[in-house]
Amino acid sequence: QVQLVESGGGLVQPGESLTLSCVPSESIFNIDDMGWYRQVPGKQRELVANITGERSTNYDDSVKGRFTISRDYAENTVYLTMNNLKPEDTAVYYCNLRNTGGTYQYFWGQGTQVTVSS
């Protein structure tokens, strides 16, 4: 079973930066989209950013201009660079991968905590 291994979370002060990374634990084929979601207690998991197999990107309005999603297509690694972090960015961030080989398959990372606090 493929697992998505996340890293890069932590505790930072407002205005600081973090970069998250996510990589499959083993080789996987037919990868389509990769992205990052976040969730706080009592709320639904929401899309932060994603990047398609065609290299198109999408961002939630709350992070536009501050966050950048990037992807190493050879290594199947996806990154989320988060600049000018704000307290409202505090959440558990989850990596997501979609692949298709006749049917869509979805994989999730275990989640990494990002806390922005002074």
N, C-alpha and C. Protein backbone atom coordinates (compact mmCIF):
# COMPACT_ATOMS: atom_id res chain seq x y z
N GLN A 1 0.85 -1.18 0.00
CA GLN A 1 0.00 0.00 0.00
C GLN A 1 0.89 1.24 0.00
N VAL A 2 0.65 2.14 -0.92
CA VAL A 2 1.41 3.37 -1.01
C VAL A 2 1.02 4.30 0.12
N GLN A 3 2.03 4.90 0.74
CA GLN A 3 1.81 5.93 1.74
C GLN A 3 2.45 7.22 1.27
N LEU A 4 1.84 8.34 1.65
CA LEU A 4 2.40 9.64 1.36
C LEU A 4 3.09 10.15 2.62
N VAL A 5 4.36 10.43 2.51
CA VAL A 5 5.17 10.83 3.65
C VAL A 5 5.32 12.35 3.63
N GLU A 6 4.80 12.99 4.66
CA GLU A 6 4.84 14.43 4.77
C GLU A 6 5.91 14.86 5.76
N SER A 7 6.44 16.05 5.53
CA SER A 7 7.38 16.64 6.46
C SER A 7 7.36 18.15 6.31
N GLY A 8 7.90 18.84 7.29
CA GLY A 8 8.09 20.27 7.19
C GLY A 8 7.22 21.12 8.09
N GLY A 9 6.27 20.54 8.78
CA GLY A 9 5.43 21.31 9.67
C GLY A 9 6.18 21.75 10.90
N GLY A 10 5.55 22.63 11.66
CA GLY A 10 6.17 23.11 12.87
C GLY A 10 5.48 24.33 13.42
N LEU A 11 6.12 24.94 14.40
CA LEU A 11 5.63 26.13 15.07
C LEU A 11 6.45 27.33 14.62
N VAL A 12 5.76 28.34 14.11
CA VAL A 12 6.43 29.56 13.66
C VAL A 12 5.65 30.77 14.14
N GLN A 13 6.31 31.91 14.11
CA GLN A 13 5.67 33.17 14.44
C GLN A 13 5.04 33.78 13.20
N PRO A 14 4.04 34.63 13.36
CA PRO A 14 3.46 35.31 12.20
C PRO A 14 4.52 36.01 11.36
N GLY A 15 4.37 35.90 10.05
CA GLY A 15 5.30 36.50 9.13
C GLY A 15 6.42 35.58 8.69
N GLU A 16 6.62 34.49 9.38
CA GLU A 16 7.67 33.55 9.02
C GLU A 16 7.19 32.59 7.94
N SER A 17 8.08 31.71 7.52
CA SER A 17 7.81 30.81 6.41
C SER A 17 8.09 29.37 6.77
N LEU A 18 7.40 28.48 6.08
CA LEU A 18 7.63 27.05 6.17
C LEU A 18 7.46 26.45 4.78
N THR A 19 8.13 25.34 4.55
CA THR A 19 7.93 24.58 3.34
C THR A 19 7.59 23.14 3.70
N LEU A 20 6.46 22.69 3.21
CA LEU A 20 6.03 21.32 3.41
C LEU A 20 6.43 20.48 2.20
N SER A 21 6.70 19.22 2.43
CA SER A 21 7.00 18.31 1.34
C SER A 21 6.21 17.02 1.53
N CYS A 22 6.00 16.35 0.42
CA CYS A 22 5.22 15.12 0.42
C CYS A 22 5.73 14.23 -0.71
N VAL A 23 6.03 12.99 -0.37
CA VAL A 23 6.55 12.06 -1.36
C VAL A 23 5.97 10.68 -1.12
N PRO A 24 5.59 9.97 -2.18
CA PRO A 24 5.12 8.59 -1.98
C PRO A 24 6.21 7.70 -1.42
N SER A 25 5.79 6.74 -0.62
CA SER A 25 6.73 5.82 0.00
C SER A 25 7.31 4.82 -0.97
N GLU A 26 6.71 4.67 -2.11
CA GLU A 26 7.18 3.76 -3.14
C GLU A 26 6.75 4.29 -4.50
N SER A 27 7.28 3.70 -5.54
CA SER A 27 6.95 4.14 -6.89
C SER A 27 5.46 4.00 -7.16
N ILE A 28 4.93 4.97 -7.85
CA ILE A 28 3.53 4.95 -8.23
C ILE A 28 3.42 5.53 -9.63
N PHE A 29 2.52 4.96 -10.39
CA PHE A 29 2.36 5.35 -11.78
C PHE A 29 1.03 6.04 -12.00
N ASN A 30 0.93 6.71 -13.13
CA ASN A 30 -0.31 7.35 -13.57
C ASN A 30 -0.80 8.41 -12.59
N ILE A 31 0.13 9.17 -12.03
CA ILE A 31 -0.23 10.24 -11.12
C ILE A 31 -0.87 11.38 -11.90
N ASP A 32 -1.97 11.87 -11.41
CA ASP A 32 -2.68 12.98 -12.02
C ASP A 32 -2.42 14.26 -11.22
N ASP A 33 -3.29 14.56 -10.29
CA ASP A 33 -3.15 15.76 -9.49
C ASP A 33 -2.48 15.47 -8.15
N MET A 34 -1.79 16.46 -7.64
CA MET A 34 -1.28 16.43 -6.28
C MET A 34 -1.64 17.76 -5.62
N GLY A 35 -1.88 17.72 -4.34
CA GLY A 35 -2.26 18.94 -3.69
C GLY A 35 -2.15 18.89 -2.19
N TRP A 36 -2.49 20.02 -1.59
CA TRP A 36 -2.47 20.18 -0.15
C TRP A 36 -3.83 20.66 0.33
N TYR A 37 -4.29 20.03 1.39
CA TYR A 37 -5.51 20.42 2.08
C TYR A 37 -5.17 20.73 3.53
N ARG A 38 -6.07 21.43 4.19
CA ARG A 38 -5.87 21.68 5.61
C ARG A 38 -7.20 21.58 6.34
N GLN A 39 -7.09 21.29 7.62
CA GLN A 39 -8.28 21.08 8.43
C GLN A 39 -8.02 21.55 9.85
N VAL A 40 -9.01 22.23 10.41
CA VAL A 40 -8.98 22.63 11.80
C VAL A 40 -10.16 21.96 12.50
N PRO A 41 -10.09 21.80 13.82
CA PRO A 41 -11.19 21.14 14.53
C PRO A 41 -12.52 21.82 14.29
N GLY A 42 -13.54 21.00 14.02
CA GLY A 42 -14.87 21.51 13.82
C GLY A 42 -15.18 22.01 12.43
N LYS A 43 -14.20 21.95 11.53
CA LYS A 43 -14.42 22.41 10.17
C LYS A 43 -14.06 21.33 9.17
N GLN A 44 -14.60 21.47 7.98
CA GLN A 44 -14.31 20.53 6.91
C GLN A 44 -12.90 20.74 6.39
N ARG A 45 -12.34 19.66 5.89
CA ARG A 45 -11.05 19.76 5.22
C ARG A 45 -11.22 20.58 3.94
N GLU A 46 -10.32 21.52 3.72
CA GLU A 46 -10.45 22.41 2.59
C GLU A 46 -9.18 22.41 1.75
N LEU A 47 -9.37 22.66 0.47
CA LEU A 47 -8.25 22.73 -0.46
C LEU A 47 -7.43 23.99 -0.21
N VAL A 48 -6.14 23.83 -0.12
CA VAL A 48 -5.22 24.96 -0.05
C VAL A 48 -4.66 25.26 -1.43
N ALA A 49 -4.12 24.24 -2.08
CA ALA A 49 -3.55 24.40 -3.40
C ALA A 49 -3.41 23.04 -4.04
N ASN A 50 -3.49 23.00 -5.35
CA ASN A 50 -3.19 21.77 -6.05
C ASN A 50 -2.46 22.08 -7.35
N ILE A 51 -1.86 21.05 -7.89
CA ILE A 51 -1.12 21.17 -9.14
C ILE A 51 -1.40 19.93 -9.96
N THR A 52 -1.76 20.13 -11.21
CA THR A 52 -2.19 19.04 -12.05
C THR A 52 -1.02 18.40 -12.78
N GLY A 53 -1.33 17.32 -13.47
CA GLY A 53 -0.33 16.68 -14.30
C GLY A 53 0.11 17.54 -15.46
N GLU A 54 -0.72 18.52 -15.81
CA GLU A 54 -0.39 19.46 -16.87
C GLU A 54 0.26 20.73 -16.33
N ARG A 55 0.57 20.74 -15.05
CA ARG A 55 1.30 21.82 -14.39
C ARG A 55 0.46 23.06 -14.13
N SER A 56 -0.84 22.93 -14.21
CA SER A 56 -1.71 24.02 -13.80
C SER A 56 -1.85 24.02 -12.28
N THR A 57 -1.99 25.20 -11.72
CA THR A 57 -2.10 25.34 -10.27
C THR A 57 -3.38 26.05 -9.89
N ASN A 58 -3.86 25.74 -8.71
CA ASN A 58 -5.03 26.38 -8.14
C ASN A 58 -4.75 26.68 -6.68
N TYR A 59 -5.21 27.84 -6.23
CA TYR A 59 -5.00 28.26 -4.85
C TYR A 59 -6.29 28.75 -4.25
N ASP A 60 -6.47 28.45 -2.98
CA ASP A 60 -7.54 29.09 -2.25
C ASP A 60 -7.25 30.59 -2.14
N ASP A 61 -8.29 31.40 -2.18
CA ASP A 61 -8.10 32.84 -2.14
C ASP A 61 -7.33 33.30 -0.90
N SER A 62 -7.48 32.59 0.18
CA SER A 62 -6.85 33.01 1.42
C SER A 62 -5.33 32.90 1.40
N VAL A 63 -4.78 32.14 0.45
CA VAL A 63 -3.34 31.93 0.41
C VAL A 63 -2.70 32.47 -0.85
N LYS A 64 -3.48 32.98 -1.78
CA LYS A 64 -2.92 33.52 -3.01
C LYS A 64 -1.93 34.64 -2.70
N GLY A 65 -0.81 34.58 -3.37
CA GLY A 65 0.23 35.57 -3.16
C GLY A 65 1.17 35.26 -2.03
N ARG A 66 0.82 34.30 -1.19
CA ARG A 66 1.66 33.92 -0.06
C ARG A 66 2.20 32.51 -0.18
N PHE A 67 1.39 31.60 -0.69
CA PHE A 67 1.79 30.20 -0.79
C PHE A 67 2.11 29.85 -2.24
N THR A 68 3.03 28.94 -2.42
CA THR A 68 3.38 28.45 -3.74
C THR A 68 3.47 26.93 -3.71
N ILE A 69 2.74 26.29 -4.61
CA ILE A 69 2.84 24.85 -4.73
C ILE A 69 3.76 24.52 -5.90
N SER A 70 4.60 23.53 -5.71
CA SER A 70 5.50 23.10 -6.76
C SER A 70 5.62 21.58 -6.73
N ARG A 71 6.16 21.04 -7.80
CA ARG A 71 6.14 19.59 -7.95
C ARG A 71 7.35 19.13 -8.74
N ASP A 72 7.97 18.08 -8.25
CA ASP A 72 9.04 17.41 -8.96
C ASP A 72 8.40 16.20 -9.64
N TYR A 73 8.20 16.28 -10.93
CA TYR A 73 7.47 15.23 -11.63
C TYR A 73 8.29 13.96 -11.76
N ALA A 74 9.60 14.07 -11.73
CA ALA A 74 10.45 12.89 -11.81
C ALA A 74 10.43 12.11 -10.51
N GLU A 75 10.42 12.81 -9.38
CA GLU A 75 10.44 12.16 -8.08
C GLU A 75 9.06 12.07 -7.45
N ASN A 76 8.07 12.64 -8.11
CA ASN A 76 6.70 12.64 -7.60
C ASN A 76 6.60 13.26 -6.21
N THR A 77 7.33 14.32 -6.03
CA THR A 77 7.31 15.05 -4.78
C THR A 77 6.59 16.37 -4.98
N VAL A 78 5.74 16.72 -4.04
CA VAL A 78 5.03 17.98 -4.09
C VAL A 78 5.40 18.80 -2.86
N TYR A 79 5.56 20.10 -3.08
CA TYR A 79 5.96 21.02 -2.03
C TYR A 79 4.92 22.12 -1.88
N LEU A 80 4.86 22.65 -0.70
CA LEU A 80 4.06 23.84 -0.45
C LEU A 80 4.92 24.81 0.34
N THR A 81 5.32 25.89 -0.33
CA THR A 81 6.08 26.94 0.32
C THR A 81 5.11 27.99 0.84
N MET A 82 5.14 28.21 2.13
CA MET A 82 4.20 29.10 2.78
C MET A 82 4.97 30.29 3.34
N ASN A 83 4.71 31.45 2.76
CA ASN A 83 5.35 32.68 3.19
C ASN A 83 4.36 33.56 3.92
N ASN A 84 4.89 34.46 4.73
CA ASN A 84 4.07 35.40 5.48
C ASN A 84 2.92 34.70 6.19
N LEU A 85 3.26 33.69 6.94
CA LEU A 85 2.24 32.90 7.62
C LEU A 85 1.46 33.73 8.63
N LYS A 86 0.19 33.42 8.74
CA LYS A 86 -0.72 34.10 9.62
C LYS A 86 -1.32 33.12 10.61
N PRO A 87 -1.78 33.61 11.76
CA PRO A 87 -2.40 32.69 12.72
C PRO A 87 -3.54 31.87 12.14
N GLU A 88 -4.30 32.44 11.21
CA GLU A 88 -5.40 31.71 10.61
C GLU A 88 -4.96 30.59 9.69
N ASP A 89 -3.66 30.50 9.41
CA ASP A 89 -3.13 29.38 8.65
C ASP A 89 -2.91 28.15 9.52
N THR A 90 -3.05 28.30 10.81
CA THR A 90 -2.86 27.17 11.72
C THR A 90 -3.85 26.06 11.40
N ALA A 91 -3.33 24.87 11.17
CA ALA A 91 -4.16 23.73 10.80
C ALA A 91 -3.27 22.51 10.67
N VAL A 92 -3.92 21.37 10.50
CA VAL A 92 -3.22 20.18 10.06
C VAL A 92 -3.27 20.15 8.55
N TYR A 93 -2.13 20.03 7.93
CA TYR A 93 -2.03 20.05 6.48
C TYR A 93 -1.84 18.62 5.97
N TYR A 94 -2.65 18.28 4.98
CA TYR A 94 -2.66 16.93 4.42
C TYR A 94 -2.28 16.97 2.95
N CYS A 95 -1.37 16.12 2.58
CA CYS A 95 -1.02 15.92 1.19
C CYS A 95 -2.01 14.97 0.54
N ASN A 96 -2.33 15.24 -0.71
CA ASN A 96 -3.24 14.39 -1.46
C ASN A 96 -2.66 14.08 -2.83
N LEU A 97 -2.88 12.87 -3.26
CA LEU A 97 -2.44 12.43 -4.58
C LEU A 97 -3.58 11.68 -5.25
N ARG A 98 -3.79 11.97 -6.51
CA ARG A 98 -4.76 11.23 -7.30
C ARG A 98 -4.07 10.59 -8.48
N ASN A 99 -4.33 9.32 -8.67
CA ASN A 99 -3.84 8.67 -9.87
C ASN A 99 -4.97 7.92 -10.53
N THR A 100 -4.76 7.61 -11.78
CA THR A 100 -5.79 6.91 -12.54
C THR A 100 -5.14 5.85 -13.42
N GLY A 101 -5.65 4.66 -13.31
CA GLY A 101 -5.22 3.54 -14.13
C GLY A 101 -6.43 2.73 -14.51
N GLY A 102 -7.41 3.41 -15.07
CA GLY A 102 -8.71 2.83 -15.34
C GLY A 102 -9.77 3.31 -14.37
N THR A 103 -9.35 3.61 -13.15
CA THR A 103 -10.21 4.20 -12.15
C THR A 103 -9.37 5.11 -11.26
N TYR A 104 -9.98 6.15 -10.72
CA TYR A 104 -9.25 7.06 -9.85
C TYR A 104 -8.94 6.40 -8.52
N GLN A 105 -7.74 6.65 -8.02
CA GLN A 105 -7.33 6.28 -6.68
C GLN A 105 -6.83 7.51 -5.96
N TYR A 106 -7.18 7.61 -4.70
CA TYR A 106 -6.80 8.76 -3.89
C TYR A 106 -5.97 8.31 -2.71
N PHE A 107 -4.91 9.03 -2.45
CA PHE A 107 -4.03 8.76 -1.33
C PHE A 107 -3.85 10.02 -0.51
N TRP A 108 -3.77 9.84 0.79
CA TRP A 108 -3.62 10.96 1.72
C TRP A 108 -2.40 10.75 2.60
N GLY A 109 -1.73 11.85 2.89
CA GLY A 109 -0.69 11.82 3.89
C GLY A 109 -1.28 11.75 5.28
N GLN A 110 -0.41 11.56 6.26
CA GLN A 110 -0.86 11.41 7.64
C GLN A 110 -1.22 12.74 8.30
N GLY A 111 -0.85 13.83 7.68
CA GLY A 111 -1.08 15.15 8.22
C GLY A 111 0.12 15.67 8.98
N THR A 112 0.39 16.94 8.80
CA THR A 112 1.47 17.59 9.54
C THR A 112 0.95 18.90 10.11
N GLN A 113 1.24 19.13 11.38
CA GLN A 113 0.72 20.29 12.07
C GLN A 113 1.53 21.54 11.74
N VAL A 114 0.82 22.59 11.37
CA VAL A 114 1.41 23.91 11.20
C VAL A 114 0.73 24.84 12.20
N THR A 115 1.52 25.42 13.07
CA THR A 115 1.00 26.33 14.08
C THR A 115 1.69 27.67 13.93
N VAL A 116 0.90 28.72 13.78
CA VAL A 116 1.41 30.08 13.63
C VAL A 116 0.93 30.88 14.83
N SER A 117 1.85 31.23 15.69
CA SER A 117 1.48 31.88 16.93
C SER A 117 2.63 32.71 17.46
N SER A 118 2.29 33.84 18.06
CA SER A 118 3.28 34.67 18.72
C SER A 118 3.22 34.53 20.23
